């Protein structure tokens, strides 16, 4: 079974303080690794994880598909404050 590890990086937090106003208090530069388990501390916002999970799962369980023109995908959280970048780790 294919199981690529996915790197998830917080690219941008669109607030004056650089910290998401949500409960998770996400900060620019945080990184997470998605594999067979969800990330541990500092942990990712559950709303953001729900938005990222479909593409991250597809990237984890398949090799690069013909429609993938880039190596990374950017996803904005449902609240619009944070942009995440996901990519496969070698």
PDB file of N, CA and C in Angstrom:
ATOM      1  N   UNK A   1       0.840  -1.186   0.000  1.00  0.00           N
ATOM      2  CA  UNK A   1       0.000   0.000   0.000  1.00  0.00           C
ATOM      3  C   UNK A   1       0.882   1.245   0.000  1.00  0.00           C
ATOM      4  N   UNK A   2       0.572   2.183  -0.858  1.00  0.00           N
ATOM      5  CA  UNK A   2       1.283   3.459  -0.914  1.00  0.00           C
ATOM      6  C   UNK A   2       0.875   4.291   0.301  1.00  0.00           C
ATOM      7  N   UNK A   3       1.839   4.903   0.944  1.00  0.00           N
ATOM      8  CA  UNK A   3       1.523   5.806   2.058  1.00  0.00           C
ATOM      9  C   UNK A   3       2.599   6.881   2.145  1.00  0.00           C
ATOM     10  N   UNK A   4       2.447   7.918   1.332  1.00  0.00           N
ATOM     11  CA  UNK A   4       3.372   9.047   1.365  1.00  0.00           C
ATOM     12  C   UNK A   4       3.100   9.870   2.623  1.00  0.00           C
ATOM     13  N   UNK A   5       4.155  10.412   3.196  1.00  0.00           N
ATOM     14  CA  UNK A   5       3.999  11.336   4.307  1.00  0.00           C
ATOM     15  C   UNK A   5       3.812  12.728   3.727  1.00  0.00           C
ATOM     16  N   UNK A   6       2.900  13.490   4.302  1.00  0.00           N
ATOM     17  CA  UNK A   6       2.572  14.828   3.794  1.00  0.00           C
ATOM     18  C   UNK A   6       3.078  15.880   4.761  1.00  0.00           C
ATOM     19  N   UNK A   7       3.732  16.880   4.198  1.00  0.00           N
ATOM     20  CA  UNK A   7       4.179  18.035   4.978  1.00  0.00           C
ATOM     21  C   UNK A   7       3.139  19.135   4.795  1.00  0.00           C
ATOM     22  N   UNK A   8       2.783  19.758   5.883  1.00  0.00           N
ATOM     23  CA  UNK A   8       1.812  20.851   5.870  1.00  0.00           C
ATOM     24  C   UNK A   8       2.446  22.036   6.579  1.00  0.00           C
ATOM     25  N   UNK A   9       2.548  23.153   5.882  1.00  0.00           N
ATOM     26  CA  UNK A   9       3.183  24.356   6.434  1.00  0.00           C
ATOM     27  C   UNK A   9       2.189  25.511   6.433  1.00  0.00           C
ATOM     28  N   UNK A  10       2.197  26.302   7.498  1.00  0.00           N
ATOM     29  CA  UNK A  10       1.372  27.510   7.547  1.00  0.00           C
ATOM     30  C   UNK A  10       2.116  28.591   6.760  1.00  0.00           C
ATOM     31  N   UNK A  11       1.571  28.933   5.602  1.00  0.00           N
ATOM     32  CA  UNK A  11       2.206  29.932   4.735  1.00  0.00           C
ATOM     33  C   UNK A  11       1.922  31.353   5.178  1.00  0.00           C
ATOM     34  N   UNK A  12       0.671  31.605   5.513  1.00  0.00           N
ATOM     35  CA  UNK A  12       0.274  32.981   5.799  1.00  0.00           C
ATOM     36  C   UNK A  12      -0.864  32.998   6.814  1.00  0.00           C
ATOM     37  N   UNK A  13      -0.788  33.933   7.739  1.00  0.00           N
ATOM     38  CA  UNK A  13      -1.883  34.201   8.666  1.00  0.00           C
ATOM     39  C   UNK A  13      -2.258  35.664   8.450  1.00  0.00           C
ATOM     40  N   UNK A  14      -3.459  35.891   7.956  1.00  0.00           N
ATOM     41  CA  UNK A  14      -3.893  37.237   7.584  1.00  0.00           C
ATOM     42  C   UNK A  14      -4.561  37.968   8.750  1.00  0.00           C
ATOM     43  N   UNK A  15      -3.737  38.311   9.723  1.00  0.00           N
ATOM     44  CA  UNK A  15      -4.181  39.153  10.837  1.00  0.00           C
ATOM     45  C   UNK A  15      -3.032  40.112  11.147  1.00  0.00           C
ATOM     46  N   UNK A  16      -3.308  41.180  11.828  1.00  0.00           N
ATOM     47  CA  UNK A  16      -2.266  42.127  12.206  1.00  0.00           C
ATOM     48  C   UNK A  16      -1.230  41.527  13.133  1.00  0.00           C
ATOM     49  N   UNK A  17      -1.640  40.585  13.951  1.00  0.00           N
ATOM     50  CA  UNK A  17      -0.727  39.982  14.931  1.00  0.00           C
ATOM     51  C   UNK A  17       0.041  38.785  14.370  1.00  0.00           C
ATOM     52  N   UNK A  18      -0.381  38.252  13.228  1.00  0.00           N
ATOM     53  CA  UNK A  18       0.252  37.055  12.689  1.00  0.00           C
ATOM     54  C   UNK A  18      -0.200  35.781  13.373  1.00  0.00           C
ATOM     55  N   UNK A  19      -1.233  35.897  14.203  1.00  0.00           N
ATOM     56  CA  UNK A  19      -1.787  34.749  14.920  1.00  0.00           C
ATOM     57  C   UNK A  19      -3.268  34.650  14.560  1.00  0.00           C
ATOM     58  N   UNK A  20      -3.713  33.454  14.221  1.00  0.00           N
ATOM     59  CA  UNK A  20      -5.123  33.250  13.901  1.00  0.00           C
ATOM     60  C   UNK A  20      -5.979  33.569  15.131  1.00  0.00           C
ATOM     61  N   UNK A  21      -7.097  34.268  14.960  1.00  0.00           N
ATOM     62  CA  UNK A  21      -7.947  34.593  16.104  1.00  0.00           C
ATOM     63  C   UNK A  21      -8.786  33.416  16.609  1.00  0.00           C
ATOM     64  N   UNK A  22      -8.742  32.285  15.917  1.00  0.00           N
ATOM     65  CA  UNK A  22      -9.500  31.117  16.345  1.00  0.00           C
ATOM     66  C   UNK A  22      -8.908  30.487  17.596  1.00  0.00           C
ATOM     67  N   UNK A  23      -9.544  29.453  18.080  1.00  0.00           N
ATOM     68  CA  UNK A  23      -9.123  28.804  19.317  1.00  0.00           C
ATOM     69  C   UNK A  23      -7.742  28.154  19.222  1.00  0.00           C
ATOM     70  N   UNK A  24      -7.329  27.709  18.027  1.00  0.00           N
ATOM     71  CA  UNK A  24      -6.041  27.020  17.882  1.00  0.00           C
ATOM     72  C   UNK A  24      -4.848  27.981  17.891  1.00  0.00           C
ATOM     73  N   UNK A  25      -5.106  29.277  17.655  1.00  0.00           N
ATOM     74  CA  UNK A  25      -4.035  30.295  17.674  1.00  0.00           C
ATOM     75  C   UNK A  25      -2.875  29.916  16.737  1.00  0.00           C
ATOM     76  N   UNK A  26      -3.194  29.499  15.531  1.00  0.00           N
ATOM     77  CA  UNK A  26      -2.205  29.102  14.533  1.00  0.00           C
ATOM     78  C   UNK A  26      -1.284  30.272  14.202  1.00  0.00           C
ATOM     79  N   UNK A  27       0.010  29.964  14.046  1.00  0.00           N
ATOM     80  CA  UNK A  27       1.018  30.981  13.743  1.00  0.00           C
ATOM     81  C   UNK A  27       1.712  30.646  12.425  1.00  0.00           C
ATOM     82  N   UNK A  28       2.091  31.689  11.697  1.00  0.00           N
ATOM     83  CA  UNK A  28       2.835  31.501  10.463  1.00  0.00           C
ATOM     84  C   UNK A  28       4.122  30.736  10.754  1.00  0.00           C
ATOM     85  N   UNK A  29       4.467  29.804   9.856  1.00  0.00           N
ATOM     86  CA  UNK A  29       5.684  29.020   9.995  1.00  0.00           C
ATOM     87  C   UNK A  29       5.505  27.679  10.686  1.00  0.00           C
ATOM     88  N   UNK A  30       4.376  27.462  11.364  1.00  0.00           N
ATOM     89  CA  UNK A  30       4.148  26.148  11.971  1.00  0.00           C
ATOM     90  C   UNK A  30       4.130  25.097  10.868  1.00  0.00           C
ATOM     91  N   UNK A  31       4.623  23.913  11.192  1.00  0.00           N
ATOM     92  CA  UNK A  31       4.577  22.804  10.237  1.00  0.00           C
ATOM     93  C   UNK A  31       4.023  21.570  10.937  1.00  0.00           C
ATOM     94  N   UNK A  32       3.390  20.731  10.137  1.00  0.00           N
ATOM     95  CA  UNK A  32       2.791  19.502  10.627  1.00  0.00           C
ATOM     96  C   UNK A  32       3.137  18.394   9.646  1.00  0.00           C
ATOM     97  N   UNK A  33       3.122  17.172  10.112  1.00  0.00           N
ATOM     98  CA  UNK A  33       3.333  16.019   9.250  1.00  0.00           C
ATOM     99  C   UNK A  33       2.111  15.129   9.356  1.00  0.00           C
ATOM    100  N   UNK A  34       1.528  14.798   8.201  1.00  0.00           N
ATOM    101  CA  UNK A  34       0.380  13.896   8.162  1.00  0.00           C
ATOM    102  C   UNK A  34       0.855  12.544   7.662  1.00  0.00           C
ATOM    103  N   UNK A  35       0.576  11.531   8.433  1.00  0.00           N
ATOM    104  CA  UNK A  35       0.871  10.161   8.039  1.00  0.00           C
ATOM    105  C   UNK A  35      -0.300   9.306   8.448  1.00  0.00           C
ATOM    106  N   UNK A  36      -0.002   8.188   9.060  1.00  0.00           N
ATOM    107  CA  UNK A  36      -1.053   7.286   9.504  1.00  0.00           C
ATOM    108  C   UNK A  36      -1.805   7.839  10.717  1.00  0.00           C
ATOM    109  N   UNK A  37      -1.198   8.839  11.408  1.00  0.00           N
ATOM    110  CA  UNK A  37      -1.854   9.479  12.553  1.00  0.00           C
ATOM    111  C   UNK A  37      -1.903  10.981  12.321  1.00  0.00           C
ATOM    112  N   UNK A  38      -2.852  11.628  12.957  1.00  0.00           N
ATOM    113  CA  UNK A  38      -2.914  13.081  12.858  1.00  0.00           C
ATOM    114  C   UNK A  38      -1.763  13.687  13.648  1.00  0.00           C
ATOM    115  N   UNK A  39      -1.409  14.935  13.350  1.00  0.00           N
ATOM    116  CA  UNK A  39      -0.255  15.539  14.020  1.00  0.00           C
ATOM    117  C   UNK A  39      -0.499  15.782  15.505  1.00  0.00           C
ATOM    118  N   UNK A  40       0.587  15.700  16.250  1.00  0.00           N
ATOM    119  CA  UNK A  40       0.546  15.991  17.687  1.00  0.00           C
ATOM    120  C   UNK A  40       0.924  17.459  17.901  1.00  0.00           C
ATOM    121  N   UNK A  41       1.266  17.797  19.131  1.00  0.00           N
ATOM    122  CA  UNK A  41       1.589  19.171  19.505  1.00  0.00           C
ATOM    123  C   UNK A  41       2.527  19.810  18.498  1.00  0.00           C
ATOM    124  N   UNK A  42       2.341  21.049  18.083  1.00  0.00           N
ATOM    125  CA  UNK A  42       1.357  21.957  18.633  1.00  0.00           C
ATOM    126  C   UNK A  42      -0.063  21.660  18.164  1.00  0.00           C
ATOM    127  N   UNK A  43      -0.228  20.769  17.211  1.00  0.00           N
ATOM    128  CA  UNK A  43      -1.566  20.408  16.745  1.00  0.00           C
ATOM    129  C   UNK A  43      -2.113  21.405  15.751  1.00  0.00           C
ATOM    130  N   UNK A  44      -2.948  20.910  14.877  1.00  0.00           N
ATOM    131  CA  UNK A  44      -3.532  21.743  13.831  1.00  0.00           C
ATOM    132  C   UNK A  44      -4.994  22.015  14.168  1.00  0.00           C
ATOM    133  N   UNK A  45      -5.473  23.149  13.787  1.00  0.00           N
ATOM    134  CA  UNK A  45      -6.883  23.532  13.968  1.00  0.00           C
ATOM    135  C   UNK A  45      -7.769  22.473  13.308  1.00  0.00           C
ATOM    136  N   UNK A  46      -8.776  22.000  14.004  1.00  0.00           N
ATOM    137  CA  UNK A  46      -9.628  20.943  13.457  1.00  0.00           C
ATOM    138  C   UNK A  46     -10.412  21.410  12.237  1.00  0.00           C
ATOM    139  N   UNK A  47     -10.811  22.667  12.186  1.00  0.00           N
ATOM    140  CA  UNK A  47     -11.503  23.184  10.998  1.00  0.00           C
ATOM    141  C   UNK A  47     -10.576  23.185   9.798  1.00  0.00           C
ATOM    142  N   UNK A  48      -9.336  23.602  10.005  1.00  0.00           N
ATOM    143  CA  UNK A  48      -8.359  23.601   8.919  1.00  0.00           C
ATOM    144  C   UNK A  48      -8.051  22.169   8.485  1.00  0.00           C
ATOM    145  N   UNK A  49      -7.894  21.257   9.441  1.00  0.00           N
ATOM    146  CA  UNK A  49      -7.608  19.862   9.099  1.00  0.00           C
ATOM    147  C   UNK A  49      -8.714  19.295   8.223  1.00  0.00           C
ATOM    148  N   UNK A  50      -9.960  19.606   8.536  1.00  0.00           N
ATOM    149  CA  UNK A  50     -11.079  19.114   7.727  1.00  0.00           C
ATOM    150  C   UNK A  50     -11.014  19.637   6.303  1.00  0.00           C
ATOM    151  N   UNK A  51     -10.525  20.864   6.115  1.00  0.00           N
ATOM    152  CA  UNK A  51     -10.392  21.434   4.774  1.00  0.00           C
ATOM    153  C   UNK A  51      -9.211  20.817   4.024  1.00  0.00           C
ATOM    154  N   UNK A  52      -8.136  20.501   4.737  1.00  0.00           N
ATOM    155  CA  UNK A  52      -6.922  19.953   4.132  1.00  0.00           C
ATOM    156  C   UNK A  52      -7.006  18.461   3.859  1.00  0.00           C
ATOM    157  N   UNK A  53      -7.750  17.754   4.669  1.00  0.00           N
ATOM    158  CA  UNK A  53      -7.738  16.302   4.671  1.00  0.00           C
ATOM    159  C   UNK A  53      -8.050  15.647   3.324  1.00  0.00           C
ATOM    160  N   UNK A  54      -9.030  16.098   2.542  1.00  0.00           N
ATOM    161  CA  UNK A  54      -9.300  15.399   1.274  1.00  0.00           C
ATOM    162  C   UNK A  54      -8.099  15.389   0.326  1.00  0.00           C
ATOM    163  N   UNK A  55      -7.446  16.533   0.128  1.00  0.00           N
ATOM    164  CA  UNK A  55      -6.296  16.581  -0.767  1.00  0.00           C
ATOM    165  C   UNK A  55      -5.103  15.867  -0.145  1.00  0.00           C
ATOM    166  N   UNK A  56      -4.891  16.036   1.157  1.00  0.00           N
ATOM    167  CA  UNK A  56      -3.783  15.359   1.826  1.00  0.00           C
ATOM    168  C   UNK A  56      -3.945  13.841   1.730  1.00  0.00           C
ATOM    169  N   UNK A  57      -5.161  13.345   1.896  1.00  0.00           N
ATOM    170  CA  UNK A  57      -5.406  11.903   1.795  1.00  0.00           C
ATOM    171  C   UNK A  57      -5.117  11.408   0.381  1.00  0.00           C
ATOM    172  N   UNK A  58      -5.597  12.139  -0.616  1.00  0.00           N
ATOM    173  CA  UNK A  58      -5.330  11.752  -2.005  1.00  0.00           C
ATOM    174  C   UNK A  58      -3.832  11.733  -2.282  1.00  0.00           C
ATOM    175  N   UNK A  59      -3.107  12.721  -1.769  1.00  0.00           N
ATOM    176  CA  UNK A  59      -1.658  12.769  -1.973  1.00  0.00           C
ATOM    177  C   UNK A  59      -0.954  11.649  -1.213  1.00  0.00           C
ATOM    178  N   UNK A  60      -1.450  11.296  -0.032  1.00  0.00           N
ATOM    179  CA  UNK A  60      -0.842  10.227   0.763  1.00  0.00           C
ATOM    180  C   UNK A  60      -0.964   8.874   0.078  1.00  0.00           C
ATOM    181  N   UNK A  61      -2.112   8.600  -0.510  1.00  0.00           N
ATOM    182  CA  UNK A  61      -2.412   7.250  -0.965  1.00  0.00           C
ATOM    183  C   UNK A  61      -2.214   7.004  -2.457  1.00  0.00           C
ATOM    184  N   UNK A  62      -1.700   8.005  -3.179  1.00  0.00           N
ATOM    185  CA  UNK A  62      -1.439   7.837  -4.607  1.00  0.00           C
ATOM    186  C   UNK A  62      -0.067   8.408  -4.953  1.00  0.00           C
ATOM    187  N   UNK A  63       0.466   7.949  -6.054  1.00  0.00           N
ATOM    188  CA  UNK A  63       1.640   8.598  -6.615  1.00  0.00           C
ATOM    189  C   UNK A  63       1.158   9.842  -7.354  1.00  0.00           C
ATOM    190  N   UNK A  64       2.083  10.689  -7.751  1.00  0.00           N
ATOM    191  CA  UNK A  64       1.703  11.932  -8.429  1.00  0.00           C
ATOM    192  C   UNK A  64       0.837  11.601  -9.641  1.00  0.00           C
ATOM    193  N   UNK A  65      -0.282  12.290  -9.737  1.00  0.00           N
ATOM    194  CA  UNK A  65      -1.234  12.044 -10.818  1.00  0.00           C
ATOM    195  C   UNK A  65      -0.930  12.952 -12.004  1.00  0.00           C
ATOM    196  N   UNK A  66      -1.398  12.584 -13.177  1.00  0.00           N
ATOM    197  CA  UNK A  66      -1.127  13.357 -14.387  1.00  0.00           C
ATOM    198  C   UNK A  66      -1.692  14.772 -14.321  1.00  0.00           C
ATOM    199  N   UNK A  67      -2.763  14.978 -13.557  1.00  0.00           N
ATOM    200  CA  UNK A  67      -3.370  16.303 -13.472  1.00  0.00           C
ATOM    201  C   UNK A  67      -2.640  17.222 -12.493  1.00  0.00           C
ATOM    202  N   UNK A  68      -1.723  16.668 -11.698  1.00  0.00           N
ATOM    203  CA  UNK A  68      -0.967  17.483 -10.739  1.00  0.00           C
ATOM    204  C   UNK A  68       0.145  18.215 -11.482  1.00  0.00           C
ATOM    205  N   UNK A  69      -0.045  19.480 -11.708  1.00  0.00           N
ATOM    206  CA  UNK A  69       0.936  20.278 -12.439  1.00  0.00           C
ATOM    207  C   UNK A  69       1.995  20.867 -11.523  1.00  0.00           C
ATOM    208  N   UNK A  70       1.768  20.855 -10.225  1.00  0.00           N
ATOM    209  CA  UNK A  70       2.731  21.408  -9.273  1.00  0.00           C
ATOM    210  C   UNK A  70       3.022  20.389  -8.182  1.00  0.00           C
ATOM    211  N   UNK A  71       4.050  20.676  -7.402  1.00  0.00           N
ATOM    212  CA  UNK A  71       4.459  19.777  -6.333  1.00  0.00           C
ATOM    213  C   UNK A  71       3.754  20.081  -5.015  1.00  0.00           C
ATOM    214  N   UNK A  72       3.131  21.253  -4.918  1.00  0.00           N
ATOM    215  CA  UNK A  72       2.471  21.671  -3.683  1.00  0.00           C
ATOM    216  C   UNK A  72       1.057  22.150  -3.987  1.00  0.00           C
ATOM    217  N   UNK A  73       0.221  22.159  -2.946  1.00  0.00           N
ATOM    218  CA  UNK A  73      -1.134  22.681  -3.062  1.00  0.00           C
ATOM    219  C   UNK A  73      -1.387  23.598  -1.881  1.00  0.00           C
ATOM    220  N   UNK A  74      -1.962  24.748  -2.148  1.00  0.00           N
ATOM    221  CA  UNK A  74      -2.299  25.705  -1.102  1.00  0.00           C
ATOM    222  C   UNK A  74      -3.788  25.616  -0.806  1.00  0.00           C
ATOM    223  N   UNK A  75      -4.115  25.597   0.478  1.00  0.00           N
ATOM    224  CA  UNK A  75      -5.504  25.481   0.927  1.00  0.00           C
ATOM    225  C   UNK A  75      -5.733  26.551   1.994  1.00  0.00           C
ATOM    226  N   UNK A  76      -6.815  27.299   1.863  1.00  0.00           N
ATOM    227  CA  UNK A  76      -7.177  28.305   2.861  1.00  0.00           C
ATOM    228  C   UNK A  76      -8.185  27.703   3.821  1.00  0.00           C
ATOM    229  N   UNK A  77      -8.012  27.990   5.097  1.00  0.00           N
ATOM    230  CA  UNK A  77      -8.914  27.452   6.115  1.00  0.00           C
ATOM    231  C   UNK A  77     -10.332  27.982   5.897  1.00  0.00           C
ATOM    232  N   UNK A  78     -11.325  27.309   6.436  1.00  0.00           N
ATOM    233  CA  UNK A  78     -12.716  27.733   6.241  1.00  0.00           C
ATOM    234  C   UNK A  78     -13.008  29.149   6.727  1.00  0.00           C
ATOM    235  N   UNK A  79     -12.250  29.641   7.698  1.00  0.00           N
ATOM    236  CA  UNK A  79     -12.496  30.983   8.221  1.00  0.00           C
ATOM    237  C   UNK A  79     -11.780  32.068   7.433  1.00  0.00           C
ATOM    238  N   UNK A  80     -10.872  31.660   6.538  1.00  0.00           N
ATOM    239  CA  UNK A  80     -10.216  32.601   5.642  1.00  0.00           C
ATOM    240  C   UNK A  80      -8.990  33.307   6.199  1.00  0.00           C
ATOM    241  N   UNK A  81      -8.561  32.978   7.395  1.00  0.00           N
ATOM    242  CA  UNK A  81      -7.412  33.657   7.990  1.00  0.00           C
ATOM    243  C   UNK A  81      -6.071  33.021   7.642  1.00  0.00           C
ATOM    244  N   UNK A  82      -6.051  31.706   7.432  1.00  0.00           N
ATOM    245  CA  UNK A  82      -4.788  30.981   7.319  1.00  0.00           C
ATOM    246  C   UNK A  82      -4.712  30.232   5.986  1.00  0.00           C
ATOM    247  N   UNK A  83      -3.543  30.336   5.330  1.00  0.00           N
ATOM    248  CA  UNK A  83      -3.275  29.548   4.140  1.00  0.00           C
ATOM    249  C   UNK A  83      -2.208  28.516   4.471  1.00  0.00           C
ATOM    250  N   UNK A  84      -2.495  27.276   4.127  1.00  0.00           N
ATOM    251  CA  UNK A  84      -1.600  26.147   4.361  1.00  0.00           C
ATOM    252  C   UNK A  84      -1.060  25.654   3.027  1.00  0.00           C
ATOM    253  N   UNK A  85       0.148  25.120   3.029  1.00  0.00           N
ATOM    254  CA  UNK A  85       0.721  24.483   1.826  1.00  0.00           C
ATOM    255  C   UNK A  85       1.017  23.029   2.171  1.00  0.00           C
ATOM    256  N   UNK A  86       0.511  22.126   1.327  1.00  0.00           N
ATOM    257  CA  UNK A  86       0.773  20.706   1.540  1.00  0.00           C
ATOM    258  C   UNK A  86       1.625  20.169   0.393  1.00  0.00           C
ATOM    259  N   UNK A  87       2.489  19.216   0.734  1.00  0.00           N
ATOM    260  CA  UNK A  87       3.370  18.585  -0.264  1.00  0.00           C
ATOM    261  C   UNK A  87       3.737  17.198   0.229  1.00  0.00           C
ATOM    262  N   UNK A  88       4.148  16.343  -0.706  1.00  0.00           N
ATOM    263  CA  UNK A  88       4.625  15.004  -0.348  1.00  0.00           C
ATOM    264  C   UNK A  88       6.072  15.108   0.124  1.00  0.00           C
ATOM    265  N   UNK A  89       6.410  14.366   1.170  1.00  0.00           N
ATOM    266  CA  UNK A  89       7.802  14.260   1.583  1.00  0.00           C
ATOM    267  C   UNK A  89       8.434  13.106   0.816  1.00  0.00           C
ATOM    268  N   UNK A  90       9.710  13.239   0.489  1.00  0.00           N
ATOM    269  CA  UNK A  90      10.362  12.149  -0.268  1.00  0.00           C
ATOM    270  C   UNK A  90      10.467  10.884   0.565  1.00  0.00           C
TER     271      UNK A  90
END
